[in-house]
Amino acid sequence: MNQIQETAIYEAYDKANEIISLTDNEELIAIASDIAATLYNAFPVILNDPDPEIGDNMTDAEADADTLKSAGYGSDEDYGYGGLI
């Protein structure tokens, strides 16, 4: 899931809850409650995160390099060897 999608989920969930808190119209409350529940059930991990970090600000290449590095397949520069013996 990309940053735009995550942001859209947060905003839709927040707006549904805002509608619930700002209206007295029971039909509208029911619709907004259904929307909020559907989003929560579809994305519980995202919506339960108390400190959401939307995106990681890394390019795909940087993320791949970070993954390889953490798996022990990084370059010599990643491990402090700069080519000097």
C-alpha atoms as a PDB file:
ATOM      1  CA  MET A   1       0.000   0.000   0.000  1.00  0.00           C
ATOM      2  CA  ASN A   2       1.418   3.386  -0.902  1.00  0.00           C
ATOM      3  CA  GLN A   3       1.354   6.665   0.989  1.00  0.00           C
ATOM      4  CA  ILE A   4      -1.600   8.075  -0.957  1.00  0.00           C
ATOM      5  CA  GLN A   5      -3.710   5.005  -0.189  1.00  0.00           C
ATOM      6  CA  GLU A   6      -2.821   5.074   3.512  1.00  0.00           C
ATOM      7  CA  THR A   7      -3.630   8.785   3.722  1.00  0.00           C
ATOM      8  CA  ALA A   8      -6.987   8.196   2.017  1.00  0.00           C
ATOM      9  CA  ILE A   9      -7.879   5.474   4.528  1.00  0.00           C
ATOM     10  CA  TYR A  10      -7.032   7.709   7.510  1.00  0.00           C
ATOM     11  CA  GLU A  11      -8.951  10.649   6.070  1.00  0.00           C
ATOM     12  CA  ALA A  12     -12.042   8.591   5.197  1.00  0.00           C
ATOM     13  CA  TYR A  13     -12.109   7.008   8.655  1.00  0.00           C
ATOM     14  CA  ASP A  14     -11.658  10.383  10.374  1.00  0.00           C
ATOM     15  CA  LYS A  15     -14.359  12.033   8.241  1.00  0.00           C
ATOM     16  CA  ALA A  16     -16.826   9.217   8.942  1.00  0.00           C
ATOM     17  CA  ASN A  17     -16.257   9.658  12.673  1.00  0.00           C
ATOM     18  CA  GLU A  18     -16.540  13.438  12.306  1.00  0.00           C
ATOM     19  CA  ILE A  19     -19.937  13.029  10.616  1.00  0.00           C
ATOM     20  CA  ILE A  20     -21.064  10.797  13.476  1.00  0.00           C
ATOM     21  CA  SER A  21     -20.081  13.387  16.079  1.00  0.00           C
ATOM     22  CA  LEU A  22     -21.497  16.439  14.262  1.00  0.00           C
ATOM     23  CA  THR A  23     -24.966  15.325  13.204  1.00  0.00           C
ATOM     24  CA  ASP A  24     -28.255  14.363  14.798  1.00  0.00           C
ATOM     25  CA  ASN A  25     -29.552  12.667  11.636  1.00  0.00           C
ATOM     26  CA  GLU A  26     -29.856   8.991  12.582  1.00  0.00           C
ATOM     27  CA  GLU A  27     -29.766   7.764   8.983  1.00  0.00           C
ATOM     28  CA  LEU A  28     -26.560   9.698   8.305  1.00  0.00           C
ATOM     29  CA  ILE A  29     -25.035   8.425  11.552  1.00  0.00           C
ATOM     30  CA  ALA A  30     -25.859   4.851  10.510  1.00  0.00           C
ATOM     31  CA  ILE A  31     -24.238   5.318   7.087  1.00  0.00           C
ATOM     32  CA  ALA A  32     -21.115   6.935   8.547  1.00  0.00           C
ATOM     33  CA  SER A  33     -20.895   4.214  11.199  1.00  0.00           C
ATOM     34  CA  ASP A  34     -21.044   1.538   8.493  1.00  0.00           C
ATOM     35  CA  ILE A  35     -18.281   3.297   6.546  1.00  0.00           C
ATOM     36  CA  ALA A  36     -16.074   3.605   9.634  1.00  0.00           C
ATOM     37  CA  ALA A  37     -16.675  -0.045  10.590  1.00  0.00           C
ATOM     38  CA  THR A  38     -15.923  -1.252   7.064  1.00  0.00           C
ATOM     39  CA  LEU A  39     -12.654   0.693   6.976  1.00  0.00           C
ATOM     40  CA  TYR A  40     -11.703  -0.492  10.453  1.00  0.00           C
ATOM     41  CA  ASN A  41     -12.407  -4.137   9.586  1.00  0.00           C
ATOM     42  CA  ALA A  42     -10.497  -3.904   6.307  1.00  0.00           C
ATOM     43  CA  PHE A  43      -7.455  -2.074   7.710  1.00  0.00           C
ATOM     44  CA  PRO A  44      -7.276  -2.723  11.481  1.00  0.00           C
ATOM     45  CA  VAL A  45      -3.483  -2.614  11.694  1.00  0.00           C
ATOM     46  CA  ILE A  46      -3.295   0.764   9.957  1.00  0.00           C
ATOM     47  CA  LEU A  47      -6.120   2.352  11.932  1.00  0.00           C
ATOM     48  CA  ASN A  48      -4.947   0.979  15.306  1.00  0.00           C
ATOM     49  CA  ASP A  49      -1.453   2.430  14.975  1.00  0.00           C
ATOM     50  CA  PRO A  50      -1.241   5.185  17.620  1.00  0.00           C
ATOM     51  CA  ASP A  51       1.685   6.871  15.862  1.00  0.00           C
ATOM     52  CA  PRO A  52       1.196   6.249  12.156  1.00  0.00           C
ATOM     53  CA  GLU A  53       4.196   6.608   9.891  1.00  0.00           C
ATOM     54  CA  ILE A  54       2.716   7.056   6.467  1.00  0.00           C
ATOM     55  CA  GLY A  55       5.249   5.843   3.964  1.00  0.00           C
ATOM     56  CA  ASP A  56       8.915   5.475   4.735  1.00  0.00           C
ATOM     57  CA  ASN A  57      10.223   8.164   2.385  1.00  0.00           C
ATOM     58  CA  MET A  58      12.522   5.643   0.707  1.00  0.00           C
ATOM     59  CA  THR A  59      12.649   4.871  -2.965  1.00  0.00           C
ATOM     60  CA  ASP A  60      12.117   1.250  -3.988  1.00  0.00           C
ATOM     61  CA  ALA A  61      15.857   0.903  -4.605  1.00  0.00           C
ATOM     62  CA  GLU A  62      16.675   2.273  -1.132  1.00  0.00           C
ATOM     63  CA  ALA A  63      14.149  -0.059   0.483  1.00  0.00           C
ATOM     64  CA  ASP A  64      15.575  -3.046  -1.415  1.00  0.00           C
ATOM     65  CA  ALA A  65      19.113  -2.099  -0.388  1.00  0.00           C
ATOM     66  CA  ASP A  66      18.018  -1.736   3.230  1.00  0.00           C
ATOM     67  CA  THR A  67      16.362  -5.158   3.139  1.00  0.00           C
ATOM     68  CA  LEU A  68      19.429  -6.798   1.643  1.00  0.00           C
ATOM     69  CA  LYS A  69      21.684  -5.041   4.142  1.00  0.00           C
ATOM     70  CA  SER A  70      19.632  -6.263   7.093  1.00  0.00           C
ATOM     71  CA  ALA A  71      19.763  -9.794   5.665  1.00  0.00           C
ATOM     72  CA  GLY A  72      23.566  -9.688   5.512  1.00  0.00           C
ATOM     73  CA  TYR A  73      23.898  -8.977   1.805  1.00  0.00           C
ATOM     74  CA  GLY A  74      24.914  -5.309   1.996  1.00  0.00           C
ATOM     75  CA  SER A  75      27.834  -3.733   0.208  1.00  0.00           C
ATOM     76  CA  ASP A  76      31.247  -3.262   1.804  1.00  0.00           C
ATOM     77  CA  GLU A  77      30.364   0.400   2.363  1.00  0.00           C
ATOM     78  CA  ASP A  78      27.393  -0.671   4.468  1.00  0.00           C
ATOM     79  CA  TYR A  79      29.735  -2.480   6.844  1.00  0.00           C
ATOM     80  CA  GLY A  80      32.361   0.242   7.131  1.00  0.00           C
ATOM     81  CA  TYR A  81      34.884  -1.025   4.615  1.00  0.00           C
ATOM     82  CA  GLY A  82      35.756   1.867   2.331  1.00  0.00           C
ATOM     83  CA  GLY A  83      38.305   0.080   0.154  1.00  0.00           C
ATOM     84  CA  LEU A  84      41.371   0.772   2.300  1.00  0.00           C
ATOM     85  CA  ILE A  85      43.424  -2.147   3.533  1.00  0.00           C
END
